[in-house]
Amino acid sequence: MRYLLLIIAALLAPFANAHPGHDHGHWLSEPIHLLTLAAIAAVLVATGWAIRQGARKIRARSTIKQEK
């Protein structure tokens, strides 16, 4: 089911426009897209950091329980 949703999303993506007149020729188009990619990258980095911190806490708790 998940793969079906991914395929549908990939097939419909070229037709998705945020608004009429979505123009990649506009002078602000490139900086806006770069900022969007930077924001996505920042979210991914923050998510990875949070996962690592959570894993460290879980490992620390299991180590403490094993010592007792």
C-alpha atoms as a PDB file:
ATOM      1  CA  MET A   1       0.000   0.000   0.000  1.00  0.00           C
ATOM      2  CA  ARG A   2       2.795   2.408   0.873  1.00  0.00           C
ATOM      3  CA  TYR A   3       4.504   1.798  -2.459  1.00  0.00           C
ATOM      4  CA  LEU A   4       1.249   2.422  -4.294  1.00  0.00           C
ATOM      5  CA  LEU A   5       0.951   5.820  -2.597  1.00  0.00           C
ATOM      6  CA  LEU A   6       4.548   6.657  -3.520  1.00  0.00           C
ATOM      7  CA  ILE A   7       3.950   5.718  -7.149  1.00  0.00           C
ATOM      8  CA  ILE A   8       0.780   7.809  -7.303  1.00  0.00           C
ATOM      9  CA  ALA A   9       2.547  10.775  -5.707  1.00  0.00           C
ATOM     10  CA  ALA A  10       5.465  10.476  -8.136  1.00  0.00           C
ATOM     11  CA  LEU A  11       3.128  10.344 -11.117  1.00  0.00           C
ATOM     12  CA  LEU A  12       1.067  13.339  -9.977  1.00  0.00           C
ATOM     13  CA  ALA A  13       3.970  15.510  -8.785  1.00  0.00           C
ATOM     14  CA  PRO A  14       4.612  17.240 -12.135  1.00  0.00           C
ATOM     15  CA  PHE A  15       1.027  18.503 -12.155  1.00  0.00           C
ATOM     16  CA  ALA A  16       1.093  19.945  -8.633  1.00  0.00           C
ATOM     17  CA  ASN A  17       1.463  23.722  -8.587  1.00  0.00           C
ATOM     18  CA  ALA A  18       1.313  25.847  -5.494  1.00  0.00           C
ATOM     19  CA  HIS A  19      -0.561  28.547  -7.394  1.00  0.00           C
ATOM     20  CA  PRO A  20      -1.375  29.517 -10.964  1.00  0.00           C
ATOM     21  CA  GLY A  21       1.559  30.980 -12.814  1.00  0.00           C
ATOM     22  CA  HIS A  22       4.182  28.930 -10.991  1.00  0.00           C
ATOM     23  CA  ASP A  23       7.133  30.242 -12.991  1.00  0.00           C
ATOM     24  CA  HIS A  24      10.637  28.830 -12.667  1.00  0.00           C
ATOM     25  CA  GLY A  25      11.915  31.700 -14.795  1.00  0.00           C
ATOM     26  CA  HIS A  26      11.278  34.313 -12.109  1.00  0.00           C
ATOM     27  CA  TRP A  27      14.419  35.813 -10.584  1.00  0.00           C
ATOM     28  CA  LEU A  28      13.390  34.748  -7.062  1.00  0.00           C
ATOM     29  CA  SER A  29      12.595  31.183  -8.042  1.00  0.00           C
ATOM     30  CA  GLU A  30      16.078  29.783  -7.522  1.00  0.00           C
ATOM     31  CA  PRO A  31      16.744  31.378  -4.103  1.00  0.00           C
ATOM     32  CA  ILE A  32      13.319  30.309  -2.849  1.00  0.00           C
ATOM     33  CA  HIS A  33      13.898  26.729  -3.958  1.00  0.00           C
ATOM     34  CA  LEU A  34      17.359  26.720  -2.357  1.00  0.00           C
ATOM     35  CA  LEU A  35      15.907  28.021   0.910  1.00  0.00           C
ATOM     36  CA  THR A  36      13.236  25.333   0.777  1.00  0.00           C
ATOM     37  CA  LEU A  37      15.890  22.648   0.305  1.00  0.00           C
ATOM     38  CA  ALA A  38      17.941  24.153   3.130  1.00  0.00           C
ATOM     39  CA  ALA A  39      14.908  24.040   5.429  1.00  0.00           C
ATOM     40  CA  ILE A  40      14.255  20.403   4.527  1.00  0.00           C
ATOM     41  CA  ALA A  41      17.910  19.570   5.175  1.00  0.00           C
ATOM     42  CA  ALA A  42      17.741  21.334   8.555  1.00  0.00           C
ATOM     43  CA  VAL A  43      14.681  19.300   9.539  1.00  0.00           C
ATOM     44  CA  LEU A  44      16.451  16.078   8.540  1.00  0.00           C
ATOM     45  CA  VAL A  45      19.554  17.013  10.540  1.00  0.00           C
ATOM     46  CA  ALA A  46      17.461  17.936  13.593  1.00  0.00           C
ATOM     47  CA  THR A  47      15.545  14.674  13.306  1.00  0.00           C
ATOM     48  CA  GLY A  48      18.774  12.670  13.098  1.00  0.00           C
ATOM     49  CA  TRP A  49      20.160  14.519  16.106  1.00  0.00           C
ATOM     50  CA  ALA A  50      16.995  13.879  18.130  1.00  0.00           C
ATOM     51  CA  ILE A  51      17.060  10.183  17.232  1.00  0.00           C
ATOM     52  CA  ARG A  52      20.696   9.915  18.314  1.00  0.00           C
ATOM     53  CA  GLN A  53      19.973  11.686  21.594  1.00  0.00           C
ATOM     54  CA  GLY A  54      17.018   9.402  22.265  1.00  0.00           C
ATOM     55  CA  ALA A  55      19.093   6.315  21.491  1.00  0.00           C
ATOM     56  CA  ARG A  56      21.813   7.495  23.888  1.00  0.00           C
ATOM     57  CA  LYS A  57      19.274   7.942  26.680  1.00  0.00           C
ATOM     58  CA  ILE A  58      17.823   4.487  26.053  1.00  0.00           C
ATOM     59  CA  ARG A  59      21.303   2.931  26.090  1.00  0.00           C
ATOM     60  CA  ALA A  60      22.166   4.798  29.289  1.00  0.00           C
ATOM     61  CA  ARG A  61      19.002   3.536  30.997  1.00  0.00           C
ATOM     62  CA  SER A  62      19.616  -0.053  29.937  1.00  0.00           C
ATOM     63  CA  THR A  63      23.215   0.145  31.186  1.00  0.00           C
ATOM     64  CA  ILE A  64      22.057   1.450  34.570  1.00  0.00           C
ATOM     65  CA  LYS A  65      19.446  -1.320  34.865  1.00  0.00           C
ATOM     66  CA  GLN A  66      22.029  -3.998  33.995  1.00  0.00           C
ATOM     67  CA  GLU A  67      24.431  -2.726  36.665  1.00  0.00           C
ATOM     68  CA  LYS A  68      21.801  -3.031  39.424  1.00  0.00           C
END
